[in-house]
PDB file of all heavy atoms in Angstrom:
ATOM      1  N   ARG A   1     139.326 122.540  33.747  1.00  0.00           N
ATOM      2  CA  ARG A   1     140.723 122.565  33.345  1.00  0.00           C
ATOM      3  C   ARG A   1     141.013 121.541  32.241  1.00  0.00           C
ATOM      4  O   ARG A   1     141.819 121.828  31.337  1.00  0.00           O
ATOM      5  CB  ARG A   1     141.649 122.270  34.549  1.00  0.00           C
ATOM      6  CG  ARG A   1     141.649 123.366  35.589  1.00  0.00           C
ATOM      7  CD  ARG A   1     142.675 123.077  36.663  1.00  0.00           C
ATOM      8  NE  ARG A   1     144.022 123.057  36.144  1.00  0.00           N
ATOM      9  CZ  ARG A   1     145.073 122.619  36.814  1.00  0.00           C
ATOM     10  NH1 ARG A   1     144.928 122.129  38.016  1.00  0.00           N
ATOM     11  NH2 ARG A   1     146.287 122.649  36.273  1.00  0.00           N
ATOM     12  N   HIS A   2     140.396 120.385  32.295  1.00  0.00           N
ATOM     13  CA  HIS A   2     140.796 119.299  31.401  1.00  0.00           C
ATOM     14  C   HIS A   2     139.714 118.802  30.438  1.00  0.00           C
ATOM     15  O   HIS A   2     140.022 118.038  29.533  1.00  0.00           O
ATOM     16  CB  HIS A   2     141.287 118.093  32.227  1.00  0.00           C
ATOM     17  CG  HIS A   2     142.395 118.436  33.193  1.00  0.00           C
ATOM     18  ND1 HIS A   2     143.630 118.893  32.762  1.00  0.00           N
ATOM     19  CD2 HIS A   2     142.412 118.452  34.556  1.00  0.00           C
ATOM     20  CE1 HIS A   2     144.413 119.132  33.825  1.00  0.00           C
ATOM     21  NE2 HIS A   2     143.696 118.875  34.919  1.00  0.00           N
ATOM     22  N   ALA A   3     138.483 119.242  30.623  1.00  0.00           N
ATOM     23  CA  ALA A   3     137.397 118.832  29.706  1.00  0.00           C
ATOM     24  C   ALA A   3     136.424 119.998  29.554  1.00  0.00           C
ATOM     25  O   ALA A   3     135.286 119.932  29.990  1.00  0.00           O
ATOM     26  CB  ALA A   3     136.681 117.580  30.242  1.00  0.00           C
ATOM     27  N   LYS A   4     136.902 121.059  28.913  1.00  0.00           N
ATOM     28  CA  LYS A   4     136.095 122.244  28.813  1.00  0.00           C
ATOM     29  C   LYS A   4     134.777 122.019  28.061  1.00  0.00           C
ATOM     30  O   LYS A   4     133.753 122.629  28.377  1.00  0.00           O
ATOM     31  CB  LYS A   4     136.890 123.367  28.113  1.00  0.00           C
ATOM     32  CG  LYS A   4     136.179 124.738  28.215  1.00  0.00           C
ATOM     33  CD  LYS A   4     137.052 125.863  27.704  1.00  0.00           C
ATOM     34  CE  LYS A   4     136.332 127.193  27.832  1.00  0.00           C
ATOM     35  NZ  LYS A   4     137.151 128.328  27.398  1.00  0.00           N
ATOM     36  N   TRP A   5     134.801 121.072  27.083  1.00  0.00           N
ATOM     37  CA  TRP A   5     133.568 120.787  26.356  1.00  0.00           C
ATOM     38  C   TRP A   5     132.488 120.275  27.304  1.00  0.00           C
ATOM     39  O   TRP A   5     131.300 120.590  27.152  1.00  0.00           O
ATOM     40  CB  TRP A   5     133.852 119.748  25.253  1.00  0.00           C
ATOM     41  CG  TRP A   5     134.236 118.393  25.816  1.00  0.00           C
ATOM     42  CD1 TRP A   5     135.482 117.938  26.099  1.00  0.00           C
ATOM     43  CD2 TRP A   5     133.325 117.327  26.160  1.00  0.00           C
ATOM     44  NE1 TRP A   5     135.425 116.652  26.595  1.00  0.00           N
ATOM     45  CE2 TRP A   5     134.122 116.256  26.644  1.00  0.00           C
ATOM     46  CE3 TRP A   5     131.933 117.179  26.109  1.00  0.00           C
ATOM     47  CZ2 TRP A   5     133.564 115.054  27.051  1.00  0.00           C
ATOM     48  CZ3 TRP A   5     131.387 115.973  26.550  1.00  0.00           C
ATOM     49  CH2 TRP A   5     132.181 114.925  27.021  1.00  0.00           C
ATOM     50  N   LEU A   6     132.916 119.483  28.317  1.00  0.00           N
ATOM     51  CA  LEU A   6     131.963 118.971  29.292  1.00  0.00           C
ATOM     52  C   LEU A   6     131.453 120.110  30.191  1.00  0.00           C
ATOM     53  O   LEU A   6     130.285 120.113  30.583  1.00  0.00           O
ATOM     54  CB  LEU A   6     132.611 117.867  30.126  1.00  0.00           C
ATOM     55  CG  LEU A   6     131.721 117.112  31.114  1.00  0.00           C
ATOM     56  CD1 LEU A   6     130.562 116.487  30.368  1.00  0.00           C
ATOM     57  CD2 LEU A   6     132.528 116.036  31.834  1.00  0.00           C
ATOM     58  N   ALA A   7     132.341 121.045  30.515  1.00  0.00           N
ATOM     59  CA  ALA A   7     131.946 122.190  31.329  1.00  0.00           C
ATOM     60  C   ALA A   7     130.922 123.017  30.594  1.00  0.00           C
ATOM     61  O   ALA A   7     129.955 123.523  31.168  1.00  0.00           O
ATOM     62  CB  ALA A   7     133.173 123.043  31.692  1.00  0.00           C
ATOM     63  N   ILE A   8     131.100 123.194  29.258  1.00  0.00           N
ATOM     64  CA  ILE A   8     130.161 123.953  28.445  1.00  0.00           C
ATOM     65  C   ILE A   8     128.818 123.239  28.370  1.00  0.00           C
ATOM     66  O   ILE A   8     127.756 123.866  28.455  1.00  0.00           O
ATOM     67  CB  ILE A   8     130.741 124.243  27.056  1.00  0.00           C
ATOM     68  CG1 ILE A   8     131.971 125.158  27.172  1.00  0.00           C
ATOM     69  CG2 ILE A   8     129.707 124.833  26.110  1.00  0.00           C
ATOM     70  CD1 ILE A   8     132.732 125.370  25.871  1.00  0.00           C
ATOM     71  N   LEU A   9     128.852 121.906  28.215  1.00  0.00           N
ATOM     72  CA  LEU A   9     127.637 121.120  28.216  1.00  0.00           C
ATOM     73  C   LEU A   9     126.885 121.288  29.537  1.00  0.00           C
ATOM     74  O   LEU A   9     125.671 121.466  29.550  1.00  0.00           O
ATOM     75  CB  LEU A   9     127.954 119.642  27.966  1.00  0.00           C
ATOM     76  CG  LEU A   9     126.771 118.691  27.887  1.00  0.00           C
ATOM     77  CD1 LEU A   9     125.891 119.058  26.690  1.00  0.00           C
ATOM     78  CD2 LEU A   9     127.271 117.241  27.767  1.00  0.00           C
ATOM     79  N   GLY A  10     127.653 121.257  30.628  1.00  0.00           N
ATOM     80  CA  GLY A  10     127.052 121.460  31.940  1.00  0.00           C
ATOM     81  C   GLY A  10     126.459 122.853  32.065  1.00  0.00           C
ATOM     82  O   GLY A  10     125.421 123.040  32.711  1.00  0.00           O
ATOM     83  N   ASP A  11     127.123 123.820  31.426  1.00  0.00           N
ATOM     84  CA  ASP A  11     126.607 125.197  31.478  1.00  0.00           C
ATOM     85  C   ASP A  11     125.271 125.297  30.761  1.00  0.00           C
ATOM     86  O   ASP A  11     124.362 126.036  31.206  1.00  0.00           O
ATOM     87  CB  ASP A  11     127.608 126.133  30.785  1.00  0.00           C
ATOM     88  CG  ASP A  11     127.172 127.587  30.821  1.00  0.00           C
ATOM     89  OD1 ASP A  11     126.980 128.116  31.936  1.00  0.00           O
ATOM     90  OD2 ASP A  11     127.028 128.189  29.737  1.00  0.00           O
ATOM     91  N   TRP A  12     125.085 124.564  29.677  1.00  0.00           N
ATOM     92  CA  TRP A  12     123.770 124.555  28.989  1.00  0.00           C
ATOM     93  C   TRP A  12     122.679 123.987  29.913  1.00  0.00           C
ATOM     94  O   TRP A  12     121.597 124.522  29.991  1.00  0.00           O
ATOM     95  CB  TRP A  12     123.867 123.702  27.711  1.00  0.00           C
ATOM     96  CG  TRP A  12     124.641 124.342  26.606  1.00  0.00           C
ATOM     97  CD1 TRP A  12     124.993 125.665  26.483  1.00  0.00           C
ATOM     98  CD2 TRP A  12     125.160 123.695  25.448  1.00  0.00           C
ATOM     99  NE1 TRP A  12     125.692 125.868  25.347  1.00  0.00           N
ATOM    100  CE2 TRP A  12     125.816 124.688  24.677  1.00  0.00           C
ATOM    101  CE3 TRP A  12     125.148 122.374  24.991  1.00  0.00           C
ATOM    102  CZ2 TRP A  12     126.458 124.384  23.475  1.00  0.00           C
ATOM    103  CZ3 TRP A  12     125.782 122.068  23.778  1.00  0.00           C
ATOM    104  CH2 TRP A  12     126.433 123.063  23.048  1.00  0.00           C
ATOM    105  N   ALA A  13     123.015 122.885  30.600  1.00  0.00           N
ATOM    106  CA  ALA A  13     122.061 122.294  31.521  1.00  0.00           C
ATOM    107  C   ALA A  13     121.732 123.236  32.665  1.00  0.00           C
ATOM    108  O   ALA A  13     120.599 123.353  33.100  1.00  0.00           O
ATOM    109  CB  ALA A  13     122.630 120.973  32.067  1.00  0.00           C
ATOM    110  N   TYR A  14     122.766 123.941  33.119  1.00  0.00           N
ATOM    111  CA  TYR A  14     122.574 124.915  34.196  1.00  0.00           C
ATOM    112  C   TYR A  14     121.662 126.056  33.751  1.00  0.00           C
ATOM    113  O   TYR A  14     120.765 126.509  34.500  1.00  0.00           O
ATOM    114  CB  TYR A  14     123.938 125.437  34.635  1.00  0.00           C
ATOM    115  CG  TYR A  14     123.903 126.447  35.755  1.00  0.00           C
ATOM    116  CD1 TYR A  14     123.488 126.024  37.024  1.00  0.00           C
ATOM    117  CD2 TYR A  14     124.277 127.763  35.578  1.00  0.00           C
ATOM    118  CE1 TYR A  14     123.469 126.940  38.101  1.00  0.00           C
ATOM    119  CE2 TYR A  14     124.227 128.667  36.633  1.00  0.00           C
ATOM    120  CZ  TYR A  14     123.822 128.236  37.873  1.00  0.00           C
ATOM    121  OH  TYR A  14     123.798 129.125  38.893  1.00  0.00           O
ATOM    122  N   ALA A  15     121.850 126.527  32.528  1.00  0.00           N
ATOM    123  CA  ALA A  15     121.008 127.584  31.981  1.00  0.00           C
ATOM    124  C   ALA A  15     119.547 127.156  31.909  1.00  0.00           C
ATOM    125  O   ALA A  15     118.644 127.913  32.180  1.00  0.00           O
ATOM    126  CB  ALA A  15     121.510 128.014  30.588  1.00  0.00           C
ATOM    127  N   ALA A  16     119.345 125.879  31.514  1.00  0.00           N
ATOM    128  CA  ALA A  16     117.991 125.343  31.477  1.00  0.00           C
ATOM    129  C   ALA A  16     117.354 125.302  32.858  1.00  0.00           C
ATOM    130  O   ALA A  16     116.160 125.633  33.042  1.00  0.00           O
ATOM    131  CB  ALA A  16     117.999 123.933  30.868  1.00  0.00           C
ATOM    132  N   ALA A  17     118.174 124.939  33.866  1.00  0.00           N
ATOM    133  CA  ALA A  17     117.670 124.928  35.251  1.00  0.00           C
ATOM    134  C   ALA A  17     117.304 126.341  35.720  1.00  0.00           C
ATOM    135  O   ALA A  17     116.306 126.518  36.425  1.00  0.00           O
ATOM    136  CB  ALA A  17     118.732 124.327  36.172  1.00  0.00           C
ATOM    137  N   LEU A  18     118.084 127.330  35.281  1.00  0.00           N
ATOM    138  CA  LEU A  18     117.804 128.734  35.675  1.00  0.00           C
ATOM    139  C   LEU A  18     116.494 129.220  35.030  1.00  0.00           C
ATOM    140  O   LEU A  18     115.737 129.972  35.636  1.00  0.00           O
ATOM    141  CB  LEU A  18     118.981 129.627  35.285  1.00  0.00           C
ATOM    142  CG  LEU A  18     120.237 129.483  36.113  1.00  0.00           C
ATOM    143  CD1 LEU A  18     121.299 130.438  35.611  1.00  0.00           C
ATOM    144  CD2 LEU A  18     119.981 129.714  37.600  1.00  0.00           C
ATOM    145  N   LYS A  19     116.257 128.804  33.777  1.00  0.00           N
ATOM    146  CA  LYS A  19     115.014 129.181  33.106  1.00  0.00           C
ATOM    147  C   LYS A  19     113.800 128.597  33.858  1.00  0.00           C
ATOM    148  O   LYS A  19     112.787 129.243  34.067  1.00  0.00           O
ATOM    149  CB  LYS A  19     115.010 128.707  31.655  1.00  0.00           C
ATOM    150  CG  LYS A  19     115.948 129.519  30.756  1.00  0.00           C
ATOM    151  CD  LYS A  19     115.903 129.018  29.325  1.00  0.00           C
ATOM    152  CE  LYS A  19     116.847 129.865  28.454  1.00  0.00           C
ATOM    153  NZ  LYS A  19     116.819 129.363  27.023  1.00  0.00           N
ATOM    154  N   LEU A  20     113.954 127.318  34.268  1.00  0.00           N
ATOM    155  CA  LEU A  20     112.899 126.672  35.028  1.00  0.00           C
ATOM    156  C   LEU A  20     112.719 127.411  36.367  1.00  0.00           C
ATOM    157  O   LEU A  20     111.596 127.593  36.838  1.00  0.00           O
ATOM    158  CB  LEU A  20     113.266 125.202  35.273  1.00  0.00           C
ATOM    159  CG  LEU A  20     112.269 124.370  36.077  1.00  0.00           C
ATOM    160  CD1 LEU A  20     110.930 124.317  35.330  1.00  0.00           C
ATOM    161  CD2 LEU A  20     112.806 122.958  36.286  1.00  0.00           C
ATOM    162  N   ASN A  21     113.823 127.824  36.965  1.00  0.00           N
ATOM    163  CA  ASN A  21     113.788 128.569  38.225  1.00  0.00           C
ATOM    164  C   ASN A  21     113.037 129.878  38.073  1.00  0.00           C
ATOM    165  O   ASN A  21     112.259 130.290  38.947  1.00  0.00           O
ATOM    166  CB  ASN A  21     115.204 128.807  38.725  1.00  0.00           C
ATOM    167  CG  ASN A  21     115.289 129.415  40.086  1.00  0.00           C
ATOM    168  OD1 ASN A  21     114.930 128.780  41.090  1.00  0.00           O
ATOM    169  ND2 ASN A  21     115.710 130.667  40.163  1.00  0.00           N
ATOM    170  N   TYR A  22     113.255 130.557  36.904  1.00  0.00           N
ATOM    171  CA  TYR A  22     112.618 131.820  36.629  1.00  0.00           C
ATOM    172  C   TYR A  22     111.085 131.648  36.531  1.00  0.00           C
ATOM    173  O   TYR A  22     110.323 132.439  37.093  1.00  0.00           O
ATOM    174  CB  TYR A  22     113.173 132.401  35.331  1.00  0.00           C
ATOM    175  CG  TYR A  22     112.591 133.740  34.921  1.00  0.00           C
ATOM    176  CD1 TYR A  22     113.022 134.911  35.532  1.00  0.00           C
ATOM    177  CD2 TYR A  22     111.606 133.813  33.939  1.00  0.00           C
ATOM    178  CE1 TYR A  22     112.491 136.144  35.169  1.00  0.00           C
ATOM    179  CE2 TYR A  22     111.043 135.032  33.589  1.00  0.00           C
ATOM    180  CZ  TYR A  22     111.504 136.190  34.198  1.00  0.00           C
ATOM    181  OH  TYR A  22     110.961 137.380  33.835  1.00  0.00           O
ATOM    182  N   ILE A  23     110.674 130.615  35.802  1.00  0.00           N
ATOM    183  CA  ILE A  23     109.229 130.351  35.654  1.00  0.00           C
ATOM    184  C   ILE A  23     108.611 129.994  37.008  1.00  0.00           C
ATOM    185  O   ILE A  23     107.530 130.474  37.372  1.00  0.00           O
ATOM    186  CB  ILE A  23     109.010 129.184  34.632  1.00  0.00           C
ATOM    187  CG1 ILE A  23     109.476 129.625  33.244  1.00  0.00           C
ATOM    188  CG2 ILE A  23     107.538 128.776  34.617  1.00  0.00           C
ATOM    189  CD1 ILE A  23     109.527 128.476  32.234  1.00  0.00           C
ATOM    190  N   PHE A  24     109.321 129.136  37.760  1.00  0.00           N
ATOM    191  CA  PHE A  24     108.857 128.693  39.071  1.00  0.00           C
ATOM    192  C   PHE A  24     108.640 129.875  40.016  1.00  0.00           C
ATOM    193  O   PHE A  24     107.608 129.989  40.686  1.00  0.00           O
ATOM    194  CB  PHE A  24     109.872 127.714  39.639  1.00  0.00           C
ATOM    195  CG  PHE A  24     109.592 127.281  41.040  1.00  0.00           C
ATOM    196  CD1 PHE A  24     108.577 126.350  41.294  1.00  0.00           C
ATOM    197  CD2 PHE A  24     110.298 127.754  42.125  1.00  0.00           C
ATOM    198  CE1 PHE A  24     108.304 125.924  42.580  1.00  0.00           C
ATOM    199  CE2 PHE A  24     110.066 127.370  43.405  1.00  0.00           C
ATOM    200  CZ  PHE A  24     109.062 126.424  43.660  1.00  0.00           C
ATOM    201  N   ASN A  25     109.617 130.809  40.024  1.00  0.00           N
ATOM    202  CA  ASN A  25     109.471 131.971  40.919  1.00  0.00           C
ATOM    203  C   ASN A  25     108.486 132.980  40.413  1.00  0.00           C
ATOM    204  O   ASN A  25     107.957 133.763  41.196  1.00  0.00           O
ATOM    205  CB  ASN A  25     110.854 132.573  41.148  1.00  0.00           C
ATOM    206  CG  ASN A  25     111.599 131.879  42.275  1.00  0.00           C
ATOM    207  OD1 ASN A  25     111.297 132.054  43.454  1.00  0.00           O
ATOM    208  ND2 ASN A  25     112.571 131.048  41.934  1.00  0.00           N
ATOM    209  N   GLY A  26     108.245 133.021  39.096  1.00  0.00           N
ATOM    210  CA  GLY A  26     107.174 133.855  38.575  1.00  0.00           C
ATOM    211  C   GLY A  26     105.824 133.419  39.120  1.00  0.00           C
ATOM    212  O   GLY A  26     104.982 134.267  39.473  1.00  0.00           O
ATOM    213  N   ILE A  27     105.649 132.106  39.201  1.00  0.00           N
ATOM    214  CA  ILE A  27     104.389 131.589  39.786  1.00  0.00           C
ATOM    215  C   ILE A  27     104.317 131.907  41.270  1.00  0.00           C
ATOM    216  O   ILE A  27     103.259 132.303  41.783  1.00  0.00           O
ATOM    217  CB  ILE A  27     104.333 130.057  39.545  1.00  0.00           C
ATOM    218  CG1 ILE A  27     104.239 129.743  38.053  1.00  0.00           C
ATOM    219  CG2 ILE A  27     103.122 129.444  40.266  1.00  0.00           C
ATOM    220  CD1 ILE A  27     104.369 128.265  37.720  1.00  0.00           C
ATOM    221  N   ARG A  28     105.450 131.776  41.969  1.00  0.00           N
ATOM    222  CA  ARG A  28     105.467 132.094  43.402  1.00  0.00           C
ATOM    223  C   ARG A  28     105.130 133.568  43.635  1.00  0.00           C
ATOM    224  O   ARG A  28     104.393 133.893  44.589  1.00  0.00           O
ATOM    225  CB  ARG A  28     106.845 131.777  44.004  1.00  0.00           C
ATOM    226  CG  ARG A  28     107.118 130.280  44.171  1.00  0.00           C
ATOM    227  CD  ARG A  28     108.473 130.012  44.780  1.00  0.00           C
ATOM    228  NE  ARG A  28     108.604 130.547  46.118  1.00  0.00           N
ATOM    229  CZ  ARG A  28     108.267 129.919  47.216  1.00  0.00           C
ATOM    230  NH1 ARG A  28     107.749 128.703  47.136  1.00  0.00           N
ATOM    231  NH2 ARG A  28     108.441 130.466  48.405  1.00  0.00           N
ATOM    232  N   ARG A  29     105.676 134.460  42.789  1.00  0.00           N
ATOM    233  CA  ARG A  29     105.365 135.878  42.956  1.00  0.00           C
ATOM    234  C   ARG A  29     103.894 136.138  42.739  1.00  0.00           C
ATOM    235  O   ARG A  29     103.260 136.940  43.471  1.00  0.00           O
ATOM    236  CB  ARG A  29     106.169 136.720  41.954  1.00  0.00           C
ATOM    237  CG  ARG A  29     107.612 136.941  42.366  1.00  0.00           C
ATOM    238  CD  ARG A  29     108.271 138.061  41.523  1.00  0.00           C
ATOM    239  NE  ARG A  29     108.221 137.768  40.100  1.00  0.00           N
ATOM    240  CZ  ARG A  29     109.129 137.067  39.459  1.00  0.00           C
ATOM    241  NH1 ARG A  29     110.173 136.572  40.099  1.00  0.00           N
ATOM    242  NH2 ARG A  29     109.020 136.874  38.132  1.00  0.00           N
ATOM    243  N   ALA A  30     103.291 135.470  41.764  1.00  0.00           N
ATOM    244  CA  ALA A  30     101.856 135.637  41.499  1.00  0.00           C
ATOM    245  C   ALA A  30     101.010 135.188  42.677  1.00  0.00           C
ATOM    246  O   ALA A  30      99.905 135.697  42.892  1.00  0.00           O
ATOM    247  CB  ALA A  30     101.477 134.849  40.231  1.00  0.00           C
TER     248      ALA A  30
END
């Protein structure tokens, strides 16, 4: 509500965590 720029920055960090999650689970599937 009050610091959208910070929310967007957090969204970038979250996207990076999801990419790491994707790689991690690719290894688990293998």
